[in-house]
Amino acid sequence: MYFPKFRLKKDWYIEVDILGIKNKTLILTEGQVFEVESDNNYHIIYGGWSEKSTNVGGRMILDEEKMRLANDGDELLFEAIDEKPDLELIIEEVPDDDDILVRNWRIQLDVKTTRKKLKEIEKIINEKVKPLL
């Protein structure tokens, strides 16, 4: 199963009001990336929290849906980083006796790109690859 990484879209602060004095503390910085853990959840840890010192900082455990919906009232806190490969190359082994056999072969390349770049790729293939065939 595919679990995306998530990037924090802006700095994350905790506001504390003690005796009428507001204190705003930065706990996570913009651009920080969170990856799924072995339990299929995202563990957001800040302020030096650990299993041994649970009285320092904090920890949140969110699933993918909560990461996608987390917001600060106005906008979403995280953005998914899509890391699915844009290029998939499948290589199959050809038996030795077929090495010199001339027959029709198919070379298929699936890419995610724009039509303009696709035309550039076609031009390069026509210039560089076709003479080898």
N, C-alpha and C. Protein backbone atom coordinates (compact mmCIF):
# COMPACT_ATOMS: atom_id res chain seq x y z
N MET A 1 0.85 -1.18 0.00
CA MET A 1 0.00 0.00 0.00
C MET A 1 0.89 1.24 0.00
N TYR A 2 0.49 2.24 -0.76
CA TYR A 2 1.26 3.47 -0.90
C TYR A 2 0.80 4.51 0.12
N PHE A 3 1.75 5.04 0.89
CA PHE A 3 1.49 6.12 1.83
C PHE A 3 2.36 7.30 1.44
N PRO A 4 1.76 8.45 1.14
CA PRO A 4 2.57 9.60 0.74
C PRO A 4 3.30 10.22 1.93
N LYS A 5 4.34 10.96 1.62
CA LYS A 5 4.98 11.81 2.63
C LYS A 5 4.18 13.10 2.67
N PHE A 6 4.25 13.79 3.81
CA PHE A 6 3.56 15.07 3.96
C PHE A 6 4.57 16.13 4.36
N ARG A 7 4.41 17.33 3.80
CA ARG A 7 5.28 18.47 4.11
C ARG A 7 4.45 19.52 4.84
N LEU A 8 5.02 20.09 5.92
CA LEU A 8 4.36 21.15 6.67
C LEU A 8 4.40 22.43 5.83
N LYS A 9 3.24 23.05 5.62
CA LYS A 9 3.14 24.20 4.72
C LYS A 9 3.60 25.52 5.34
N LYS A 10 3.54 25.62 6.66
CA LYS A 10 4.00 26.85 7.32
C LYS A 10 4.43 26.52 8.74
N ASP A 11 5.16 27.44 9.35
CA ASP A 11 5.61 27.21 10.72
C ASP A 11 4.42 26.93 11.64
N TRP A 12 4.66 26.07 12.63
CA TRP A 12 3.60 25.66 13.56
C TRP A 12 4.00 26.13 14.95
N TYR A 13 3.13 26.91 15.56
CA TYR A 13 3.39 27.48 16.88
C TYR A 13 2.38 26.95 17.89
N ILE A 14 2.78 26.94 19.16
CA ILE A 14 1.85 26.69 20.27
C ILE A 14 1.79 27.98 21.07
N GLU A 15 0.56 28.43 21.33
CA GLU A 15 0.38 29.64 22.13
C GLU A 15 -0.06 29.25 23.53
N VAL A 16 0.61 29.83 24.51
CA VAL A 16 0.30 29.56 25.91
C VAL A 16 0.03 30.91 26.59
N ASP A 17 -1.05 30.96 27.37
CA ASP A 17 -1.40 32.19 28.09
C ASP A 17 -1.24 31.91 29.58
N ILE A 18 -0.20 32.49 30.18
CA ILE A 18 0.06 32.31 31.61
C ILE A 18 -0.02 33.68 32.28
N LEU A 19 -0.95 33.80 33.22
CA LEU A 19 -1.16 35.05 33.96
C LEU A 19 -1.35 36.25 33.04
N GLY A 20 -2.07 36.04 31.94
CA GLY A 20 -2.35 37.13 31.01
C GLY A 20 -1.23 37.43 30.04
N ILE A 21 -0.12 36.70 30.14
CA ILE A 21 1.00 36.92 29.22
C ILE A 21 0.97 35.79 28.19
N LYS A 22 0.87 36.19 26.93
CA LYS A 22 0.83 35.19 25.86
C LYS A 22 2.25 34.88 25.40
N ASN A 23 2.52 33.60 25.29
CA ASN A 23 3.82 33.15 24.81
C ASN A 23 3.60 32.25 23.60
N LYS A 24 4.24 32.56 22.51
CA LYS A 24 4.10 31.81 21.27
C LYS A 24 5.42 31.08 21.01
N THR A 25 5.37 29.74 20.98
CA THR A 25 6.58 28.93 20.83
C THR A 25 6.53 28.15 19.52
N LEU A 26 7.59 28.27 18.74
CA LEU A 26 7.72 27.52 17.49
C LEU A 26 8.03 26.07 17.82
N ILE A 27 7.20 25.15 17.30
CA ILE A 27 7.47 23.73 17.57
C ILE A 27 7.88 22.96 16.32
N LEU A 28 7.38 23.37 15.15
CA LEU A 28 7.74 22.71 13.89
C LEU A 28 7.94 23.78 12.82
N THR A 29 8.93 23.60 11.96
CA THR A 29 9.23 24.60 10.94
C THR A 29 8.67 24.21 9.58
N GLU A 30 8.37 25.22 8.82
CA GLU A 30 7.84 25.04 7.46
C GLU A 30 8.77 24.15 6.64
N GLY A 31 8.20 23.25 5.87
CA GLY A 31 8.98 22.37 5.01
C GLY A 31 9.36 21.05 5.64
N GLN A 32 9.11 20.89 6.92
CA GLN A 32 9.44 19.63 7.59
C GLN A 32 8.61 18.51 6.98
N VAL A 33 9.25 17.36 6.72
CA VAL A 33 8.59 16.25 6.04
C VAL A 33 8.31 15.13 7.04
N PHE A 34 7.11 14.55 6.93
CA PHE A 34 6.70 13.46 7.81
C PHE A 34 6.42 12.23 6.96
N GLU A 35 6.99 11.10 7.39
CA GLU A 35 6.81 9.83 6.69
C GLU A 35 6.01 8.88 7.56
N VAL A 36 5.33 7.93 6.90
CA VAL A 36 4.53 6.96 7.61
C VAL A 36 5.44 6.02 8.41
N GLU A 37 5.00 5.64 9.59
CA GLU A 37 5.74 4.71 10.43
C GLU A 37 5.25 3.29 10.20
N SER A 38 5.81 2.33 10.88
CA SER A 38 5.46 0.92 10.69
C SER A 38 4.01 0.60 11.05
N ASP A 39 3.38 1.45 11.87
CA ASP A 39 1.97 1.22 12.24
C ASP A 39 0.99 1.91 11.28
N ASN A 40 1.49 2.37 10.12
CA ASN A 40 0.70 3.05 9.09
C ASN A 40 0.13 4.38 9.57
N ASN A 41 0.78 5.00 10.54
CA ASN A 41 0.40 6.32 11.04
C ASN A 41 1.59 7.25 10.94
N TYR A 42 1.31 8.54 11.04
CA TYR A 42 2.35 9.57 11.02
C TYR A 42 2.54 10.06 12.44
N HIS A 43 3.78 10.00 12.95
CA HIS A 43 4.09 10.42 14.31
C HIS A 43 4.72 11.81 14.24
N ILE A 44 4.04 12.78 14.80
CA ILE A 44 4.54 14.16 14.83
C ILE A 44 5.06 14.41 16.23
N ILE A 45 6.38 14.52 16.34
CA ILE A 45 7.04 14.67 17.64
C ILE A 45 7.73 16.02 17.68
N TYR A 46 7.61 16.73 18.80
CA TYR A 46 8.23 18.04 18.92
C TYR A 46 8.72 18.26 20.35
N GLY A 47 9.64 19.21 20.48
CA GLY A 47 10.09 19.67 21.79
C GLY A 47 10.87 18.66 22.60
N GLY A 48 11.54 17.71 21.96
CA GLY A 48 12.37 16.76 22.69
C GLY A 48 11.63 15.60 23.31
N TRP A 49 10.38 15.36 22.91
CA TRP A 49 9.60 14.25 23.46
C TRP A 49 10.25 12.93 23.11
N SER A 50 10.24 11.98 24.02
CA SER A 50 10.69 10.62 23.76
C SER A 50 9.93 9.68 24.69
N GLU A 51 10.08 8.39 24.44
CA GLU A 51 9.41 7.40 25.30
C GLU A 51 9.90 7.51 26.74
N LYS A 52 11.17 7.91 26.93
CA LYS A 52 11.74 8.01 28.28
C LYS A 52 11.36 9.32 28.97
N SER A 53 11.24 10.41 28.17
CA SER A 53 10.90 11.70 28.80
C SER A 53 9.62 12.24 28.18
N THR A 54 8.51 11.70 28.63
CA THR A 54 7.21 12.08 28.09
C THR A 54 6.68 13.40 28.63
N ASN A 55 7.36 13.96 29.62
CA ASN A 55 6.92 15.23 30.20
C ASN A 55 7.51 16.43 29.46
N VAL A 56 8.32 16.18 28.43
CA VAL A 56 8.93 17.25 27.64
C VAL A 56 8.34 17.20 26.24
N GLY A 57 7.95 18.38 25.70
CA GLY A 57 7.44 18.43 24.33
C GLY A 57 6.13 17.69 24.18
N GLY A 58 5.94 17.10 23.00
CA GLY A 58 4.69 16.40 22.76
C GLY A 58 4.75 15.49 21.55
N ARG A 59 3.70 14.70 21.39
CA ARG A 59 3.61 13.77 20.27
C ARG A 59 2.15 13.66 19.84
N MET A 60 1.96 13.63 18.53
CA MET A 60 0.64 13.39 17.94
C MET A 60 0.78 12.24 16.97
N ILE A 61 -0.22 11.38 16.93
CA ILE A 61 -0.23 10.27 15.98
C ILE A 61 -1.46 10.45 15.10
N LEU A 62 -1.23 10.66 13.79
CA LEU A 62 -2.31 10.91 12.85
C LEU A 62 -2.28 9.89 11.73
N ASP A 63 -3.45 9.51 11.24
CA ASP A 63 -3.50 8.64 10.07
C ASP A 63 -3.49 9.52 8.81
N GLU A 64 -3.48 8.90 7.65
CA GLU A 64 -3.36 9.66 6.40
C GLU A 64 -4.52 10.64 6.22
N GLU A 65 -5.73 10.23 6.53
CA GLU A 65 -6.88 11.11 6.37
C GLU A 65 -6.77 12.34 7.26
N LYS A 66 -6.33 12.15 8.51
CA LYS A 66 -6.18 13.28 9.42
C LYS A 66 -5.07 14.22 8.97
N MET A 67 -4.01 13.66 8.37
CA MET A 67 -2.93 14.51 7.84
C MET A 67 -3.46 15.37 6.69
N ARG A 68 -4.31 14.78 5.85
CA ARG A 68 -4.87 15.52 4.71
C ARG A 68 -5.84 16.61 5.16
N LEU A 69 -6.54 16.39 6.29
CA LEU A 69 -7.57 17.33 6.74
C LEU A 69 -7.12 18.30 7.83
N ALA A 70 -5.93 18.10 8.40
CA ALA A 70 -5.45 18.96 9.50
C ALA A 70 -5.35 20.41 9.02
N ASN A 71 -5.93 21.32 9.80
CA ASN A 71 -5.88 22.73 9.42
C ASN A 71 -5.81 23.60 10.66
N ASP A 72 -5.47 24.87 10.42
CA ASP A 72 -5.40 25.81 11.53
C ASP A 72 -6.58 26.77 11.50
N GLY A 73 -7.66 26.34 10.87
CA GLY A 73 -8.86 27.18 10.77
C GLY A 73 -9.00 27.82 9.40
N ASP A 74 -7.90 28.30 8.85
CA ASP A 74 -7.95 28.99 7.56
C ASP A 74 -7.46 28.12 6.41
N GLU A 75 -6.38 27.39 6.64
CA GLU A 75 -5.80 26.60 5.56
C GLU A 75 -5.24 25.29 6.09
N LEU A 76 -5.02 24.35 5.17
CA LEU A 76 -4.48 23.05 5.54
C LEU A 76 -3.05 23.18 6.03
N LEU A 77 -2.67 22.37 6.99
CA LEU A 77 -1.31 22.44 7.55
C LEU A 77 -0.30 21.66 6.72
N PHE A 78 -0.75 20.56 6.11
CA PHE A 78 0.17 19.69 5.39
C PHE A 78 -0.21 19.57 3.93
N GLU A 79 0.80 19.32 3.09
CA GLU A 79 0.54 19.00 1.70
C GLU A 79 1.21 17.66 1.40
N ALA A 80 0.50 16.81 0.68
CA ALA A 80 1.03 15.50 0.33
C ALA A 80 2.11 15.67 -0.73
N ILE A 81 3.18 14.92 -0.57
CA ILE A 81 4.25 14.91 -1.56
C ILE A 81 4.08 13.63 -2.35
N ASP A 82 3.67 13.74 -3.60
CA ASP A 82 3.44 12.56 -4.43
C ASP A 82 4.78 12.06 -4.95
N GLU A 83 5.18 10.90 -4.47
CA GLU A 83 6.47 10.35 -4.88
C GLU A 83 6.31 9.08 -5.70
N LYS A 84 5.15 8.93 -6.31
CA LYS A 84 5.00 7.79 -7.21
C LYS A 84 5.93 8.04 -8.39
N PRO A 85 6.61 7.01 -8.84
CA PRO A 85 7.57 7.23 -9.93
C PRO A 85 6.87 7.67 -11.21
N ASP A 86 7.45 8.66 -11.91
CA ASP A 86 6.92 9.13 -13.18
C ASP A 86 7.34 8.21 -14.32
N LEU A 87 8.33 7.39 -14.07
CA LEU A 87 8.88 6.53 -15.10
C LEU A 87 8.90 5.10 -14.59
N GLU A 88 8.34 4.22 -15.36
CA GLU A 88 8.36 2.81 -14.99
C GLU A 88 9.04 2.06 -16.12
N LEU A 89 10.13 1.40 -15.83
CA LEU A 89 10.90 0.66 -16.82
C LEU A 89 10.85 -0.81 -16.46
N ILE A 90 10.40 -1.62 -17.39
CA ILE A 90 10.32 -3.06 -17.17
C ILE A 90 11.36 -3.72 -18.06
N ILE A 91 12.24 -4.47 -17.44
CA ILE A 91 13.30 -5.17 -18.18
C ILE A 91 13.08 -6.66 -18.02
N GLU A 92 13.03 -7.34 -19.15
CA GLU A 92 12.86 -8.78 -19.12
C GLU A 92 14.09 -9.43 -19.73
N GLU A 93 14.52 -10.51 -19.15
CA GLU A 93 15.69 -11.21 -19.64
C GLU A 93 15.36 -11.97 -20.92
N VAL A 94 16.23 -11.83 -21.92
CA VAL A 94 16.06 -12.53 -23.18
C VAL A 94 17.01 -13.72 -23.17
N PRO A 95 16.53 -14.90 -23.50
CA PRO A 95 17.42 -16.07 -23.52
C PRO A 95 18.59 -15.86 -24.49
N ASP A 96 19.73 -16.50 -24.20
CA ASP A 96 20.95 -16.31 -24.99
C ASP A 96 20.77 -16.63 -26.47
N ASP A 97 20.01 -17.65 -26.80
CA ASP A 97 19.87 -18.04 -28.20
C ASP A 97 19.08 -17.02 -29.01
N ASP A 98 18.37 -16.08 -28.35
CA ASP A 98 17.64 -15.03 -29.07
C ASP A 98 18.48 -13.78 -29.30
N ASP A 99 19.72 -13.77 -28.83
CA ASP A 99 20.56 -12.57 -28.95
C ASP A 99 20.79 -12.15 -30.39
N ILE A 100 20.90 -13.07 -31.30
CA ILE A 100 21.18 -12.71 -32.69
C ILE A 100 19.96 -12.87 -33.60
N LEU A 101 18.85 -13.25 -33.04
CA LEU A 101 17.63 -13.45 -33.79
C LEU A 101 16.99 -12.10 -34.12
N VAL A 102 16.72 -11.88 -35.42
CA VAL A 102 16.10 -10.63 -35.85
C VAL A 102 14.60 -10.89 -36.00
N ARG A 103 13.83 -10.15 -35.25
CA ARG A 103 12.39 -10.22 -35.35
C ARG A 103 11.80 -8.95 -34.73
N ASN A 104 10.50 -8.81 -34.76
CA ASN A 104 9.86 -7.60 -34.23
C ASN A 104 9.88 -7.63 -32.70
N TRP A 105 10.32 -6.51 -32.13
CA TRP A 105 10.35 -6.35 -30.68
C TRP A 105 9.62 -5.06 -30.36
N ARG A 106 9.08 -4.99 -29.16
CA ARG A 106 8.38 -3.78 -28.74
C ARG A 106 9.18 -3.14 -27.60
N ILE A 107 9.43 -1.85 -27.75
CA ILE A 107 10.02 -1.05 -26.68
C ILE A 107 8.93 -0.07 -26.26
N GLN A 108 8.51 -0.17 -25.01
CA GLN A 108 7.43 0.69 -24.53
C GLN A 108 7.95 1.50 -23.36
N LEU A 109 7.70 2.79 -23.41
CA LEU A 109 8.14 3.71 -22.37
C LEU A 109 6.94 4.55 -21.95
N ASP A 110 6.47 4.36 -20.72
CA ASP A 110 5.36 5.15 -20.18
C ASP A 110 5.93 6.24 -19.29
N VAL A 111 5.63 7.49 -19.64
CA VAL A 111 6.14 8.62 -18.86
C VAL A 111 5.01 9.59 -18.56
N LYS A 112 5.21 10.37 -17.54
CA LYS A 112 4.25 11.42 -17.18
C LYS A 112 4.94 12.75 -17.51
N THR A 113 4.50 13.41 -18.56
CA THR A 113 5.16 14.63 -19.01
C THR A 113 4.18 15.47 -19.82
N THR A 114 4.64 16.59 -20.35
CA THR A 114 3.82 17.43 -21.20
C THR A 114 3.98 17.00 -22.65
N ARG A 115 3.04 17.41 -23.50
CA ARG A 115 3.11 17.05 -24.92
C ARG A 115 4.36 17.67 -25.56
N LYS A 116 4.73 18.87 -25.15
CA LYS A 116 5.92 19.53 -25.71
C LYS A 116 7.17 18.72 -25.40
N LYS A 117 7.32 18.29 -24.16
CA LYS A 117 8.48 17.49 -23.79
C LYS A 117 8.45 16.12 -24.48
N LEU A 118 7.25 15.58 -24.68
CA LEU A 118 7.11 14.30 -25.37
C LEU A 118 7.63 14.41 -26.81
N LYS A 119 7.34 15.52 -27.46
CA LYS A 119 7.84 15.73 -28.83
C LYS A 119 9.36 15.83 -28.84
N GLU A 120 9.94 16.46 -27.82
CA GLU A 120 11.40 16.53 -27.70
C GLU A 120 11.99 15.14 -27.53
N ILE A 121 11.36 14.31 -26.71
CA ILE A 121 11.82 12.94 -26.49
C ILE A 121 11.73 12.15 -27.79
N GLU A 122 10.63 12.32 -28.53
CA GLU A 122 10.47 11.62 -29.81
C GLU A 122 11.58 12.02 -30.78
N LYS A 123 11.92 13.29 -30.81
CA LYS A 123 12.99 13.77 -31.69
C LYS A 123 14.33 13.13 -31.32
N ILE A 124 14.62 13.06 -30.03
CA ILE A 124 15.88 12.45 -29.58
C ILE A 124 15.92 10.97 -29.93
N ILE A 125 14.79 10.29 -29.74
CA ILE A 125 14.74 8.85 -30.09
C ILE A 125 14.98 8.67 -31.58
N ASN A 126 14.34 9.51 -32.41
CA ASN A 126 14.54 9.40 -33.86
C ASN A 126 15.98 9.67 -34.26
N GLU A 127 16.65 10.60 -33.59
CA GLU A 127 18.03 10.94 -33.93
C GLU A 127 19.05 9.93 -33.40
N LYS A 128 18.85 9.47 -32.17
CA LYS A 128 19.87 8.66 -31.51
C LYS A 128 19.59 7.15 -31.54
N VAL A 129 18.33 6.76 -31.36
CA VAL A 129 18.01 5.35 -31.20
C VAL A 129 17.74 4.65 -32.53
N LYS A 130 17.01 5.31 -33.42
CA LYS A 130 16.65 4.65 -34.70
C LYS A 130 17.89 4.20 -35.49
N PRO A 131 18.99 4.97 -35.52
CA PRO A 131 20.17 4.45 -36.25
C PRO A 131 20.72 3.14 -35.66
N LEU A 132 20.51 2.92 -34.36
CA LEU A 132 20.99 1.68 -33.75
C LEU A 132 20.13 0.49 -34.13
N LEU A 133 18.90 0.73 -34.52
CA LEU A 133 17.97 -0.33 -34.88
C LEU A 133 18.16 -0.66 -36.33
